[in-house]
């Protein structure tokens, strides 16, 4: 089973680059980072970033499809 994590490039509470580096060594962990700050995929956020939202949604739908079809 794999785990997919989606982070904003800029998070106030955690160093995303350091966390991603540490977690990338773990088998089955896939990390995606959206351009911008926390809230980049929320159209009501002042940090909304439409291109990153689209990439995040595409990435999420592909993950759901792998679950649905049983692909790895």
Protein backbone atom coordinates (compact mmCIF):
# COMPACT_ATOMS: atom_id res chain seq x y z
CA UNK A 1 0.00 0.00 0.00
CA UNK A 2 1.26 3.46 -0.75
CA UNK A 3 0.70 6.74 1.00
CA UNK A 4 0.50 10.01 -0.87
CA UNK A 5 1.10 13.31 0.87
CA UNK A 6 0.38 16.72 -0.54
CA UNK A 7 2.02 19.79 0.95
CA UNK A 8 2.29 23.44 0.06
CA UNK A 9 5.84 24.57 -0.67
CA UNK A 10 5.49 27.04 2.18
CA UNK A 11 4.05 25.86 5.48
CA UNK A 12 4.29 27.94 8.64
CA UNK A 13 4.36 24.94 10.97
CA UNK A 14 6.88 22.65 9.26
CA UNK A 15 9.93 22.75 6.99
CA UNK A 16 8.35 21.02 3.98
CA UNK A 17 11.64 20.36 2.19
CA UNK A 18 13.21 18.71 5.24
CA UNK A 19 10.08 16.66 5.95
CA UNK A 20 9.80 15.53 2.32
CA UNK A 21 13.46 14.53 2.29
CA UNK A 22 13.06 12.45 5.46
CA UNK A 23 9.82 10.81 4.32
CA UNK A 24 11.05 10.06 0.79
CA UNK A 25 13.34 7.41 2.29
CA UNK A 26 10.28 5.49 3.47
CA UNK A 27 9.01 2.78 1.15
CA UNK A 28 5.58 3.50 -0.31
CA UNK A 29 5.55 7.22 0.50
CA UNK A 30 4.97 9.61 -2.39
CA UNK A 31 5.14 13.34 -1.82
CA UNK A 32 3.80 16.14 -3.98
CA UNK A 33 4.31 19.82 -3.29
CA UNK A 34 2.08 22.57 -4.57
CA UNK A 35 3.52 25.93 -5.45
CA UNK A 36 2.58 28.54 -2.90
CA UNK A 37 1.57 28.63 0.75
CA UNK A 38 -0.91 26.59 2.78
CA UNK A 39 -4.29 27.14 1.18
CA UNK A 40 -3.02 27.08 -2.43
CA UNK A 41 -5.89 24.79 -3.50
CA UNK A 42 -8.63 26.71 -1.69
CA UNK A 43 -10.31 29.31 -3.92
CA UNK A 44 -11.37 31.24 -0.81
CA UNK A 45 -7.80 31.51 0.52
CA UNK A 46 -5.62 34.54 -0.07
CA UNK A 47 -2.91 32.02 -1.02
CA UNK A 48 -4.98 30.43 -3.78
CA UNK A 49 -2.87 29.29 -6.72
CA UNK A 50 -5.05 27.95 -9.59
CA UNK A 51 -2.27 26.07 -11.40
CA UNK A 52 -1.20 24.30 -8.22
CA UNK A 53 -4.81 23.47 -7.42
CA UNK A 54 -5.21 21.82 -10.83
CA UNK A 55 -2.00 19.79 -10.38
CA UNK A 56 -3.12 18.75 -6.88
CA UNK A 57 -6.52 17.64 -8.15
CA UNK A 58 -5.02 15.75 -11.09
CA UNK A 59 -2.55 14.03 -8.76
CA UNK A 60 -5.34 13.16 -6.30
CA UNK A 61 -7.63 11.77 -9.01
CA UNK A 62 -4.82 9.60 -10.38
CA UNK A 63 -4.24 8.23 -6.89
CA UNK A 64 -7.94 7.44 -6.47
CA UNK A 65 -7.94 5.76 -9.87
CA UNK A 66 -5.07 3.47 -8.81
CA UNK A 67 -7.07 2.46 -5.75
CA UNK A 68 -10.21 1.89 -7.83
CA UNK A 69 -8.46 -0.19 -10.50
CA UNK A 70 -6.05 -1.94 -8.16
CA UNK A 71 -2.98 -0.62 -9.99
CA UNK A 72 0.26 -0.04 -8.12
